[in-house]
Each structure stands twice: as structure tokens, then as C-alpha cells.
Protein backbone atom coordinates (compact mmCIF):
# COMPACT_ATOMS: atom_id res chain seq x y z
CA GLU A 1 89.50 104.23 91.79
CA GLN A 2 90.21 103.71 95.50
CA ASN A 3 92.43 100.64 94.98
CA LYS A 4 94.61 102.53 92.51
CA GLY A 5 95.17 105.25 95.10
CA LEU A 6 96.08 102.64 97.69
CA ILE A 7 98.55 100.96 95.34
CA THR A 8 100.07 104.36 94.53
CA HIS A 9 100.61 105.01 98.24
CA ALA A 10 102.03 101.52 98.81
CA VAL A 11 104.53 102.02 95.98
CA GLU A 12 105.54 105.40 97.43
CA ILE A 13 106.03 103.89 100.90
CA ASN A 14 108.24 101.21 99.35
CA ARG A 15 110.25 103.87 97.52
CA LEU A 16 110.69 105.88 100.70
CA GLU A 17 111.80 102.79 102.63
CA ASN A 18 114.39 102.03 99.96
CA GLU A 19 115.62 105.63 100.20
CA ALA A 20 115.78 105.29 104.00
CA ASP A 21 117.89 102.12 103.58
CA ARG A 22 120.28 104.02 101.32
CA ILE A 23 120.55 106.92 103.76
CA HIS A 24 121.07 104.49 106.66
CA ARG A 25 123.97 102.78 104.88
CA GLN A 26 125.49 106.15 104.03
CA ALA A 27 125.10 107.47 107.58
CA VAL A 28 126.59 104.35 109.17
CA GLY A 29 129.52 104.47 106.78
CA GLN A 30 130.11 108.13 107.55
CA LEU A 31 129.81 107.44 111.27
CA PHE A 32 132.54 104.80 111.17
CA ASN A 33 134.73 106.99 108.97
CA ASP A 34 134.38 110.22 110.93
CA GLU A 35 133.67 109.42 114.59
CA ARG A 36 136.62 108.48 116.76
CA ASP A 37 134.86 108.07 120.12
CA PRO A 38 133.77 104.40 120.36
CA ILE A 39 130.96 105.19 122.79
CA ALA A 40 129.55 107.79 120.39
CA VAL A 41 129.80 105.25 117.55
CA ILE A 42 127.81 102.71 119.56
CA LYS A 43 125.15 105.25 120.55
CA TRP A 44 124.71 106.70 117.06
CA LYS A 45 124.78 103.28 115.38
CA GLU A 46 122.02 102.08 117.70
CA THR A 47 119.97 105.21 116.99
CA LEU A 48 120.42 104.86 113.23
CA ASP A 49 119.51 101.17 113.38
CA PHE A 50 116.38 101.98 115.40
CA LEU A 51 115.27 104.52 112.79
CA GLU A 52 115.95 102.07 109.97
CA ALA A 53 113.89 99.40 111.75
CA ALA A 54 111.04 101.89 112.12
CA THR A 55 111.00 102.52 108.37
CA ASP A 56 111.00 98.76 107.80
CA ARG A 57 107.92 98.43 110.02
CA CYS A 58 106.16 101.17 108.05
CA GLU A 59 106.79 99.22 104.87
CA ASP A 60 105.53 96.04 106.56
CA VAL A 61 102.27 97.77 107.49
CA ALA A 62 101.84 99.09 103.96
CA ASN A 63 102.41 95.60 102.57
CA VAL A 64 99.79 94.10 104.90
CA VAL A 65 97.22 96.79 104.06
CA GLU A 66 97.92 96.34 100.35
CA GLY A 67 97.53 92.56 100.70
CA VAL A 68 94.18 92.95 102.46
CA PHE A 69 92.88 95.26 99.74
CA VAL A 70 94.12 92.98 96.96
CA LYS A 71 92.55 89.92 98.60
CA HIS A 72 89.28 91.49 99.72
CA GLY A 73 88.91 94.41 97.33
């Protein structure tokens, strides 16, 4: 069934976003532990935050698409 496939993909996107959150936390922690140059810390932290926000937006899109399919079949 098409809806089952959609739900499967939505669940996988959610799983991947959770994994991205975990990796983001780990990378930021490692950045603050290992990097001594404050400018490099700022640059890398901003880059990591941007990537994390992008994965959040992907999850948001999946949630909207899932909601439309649930509501309208």
C-alpha cells in the first residue's frame, strides 16, 4: 500500500534526523574539546549548526507530507 511506504519513509527520515542530532552533539563537544583557535571554533560551530538545522527542516517536510497523506489519504 502506498501510505505504508510513505509512513516507512517518514519513520526513516525521523530516525536519520535523530542520528544527525546525536552526531551534531558529538561533533560540537569534540570541537570544544580539541580546537584551541577561537575563530575556528566559531566557524565550525556555525557550520555544524547550519547542517543540523538543515536536517531539522528535512524532518519538518517529512512531517508535513505525512500529515497531508494521513488527512487526505
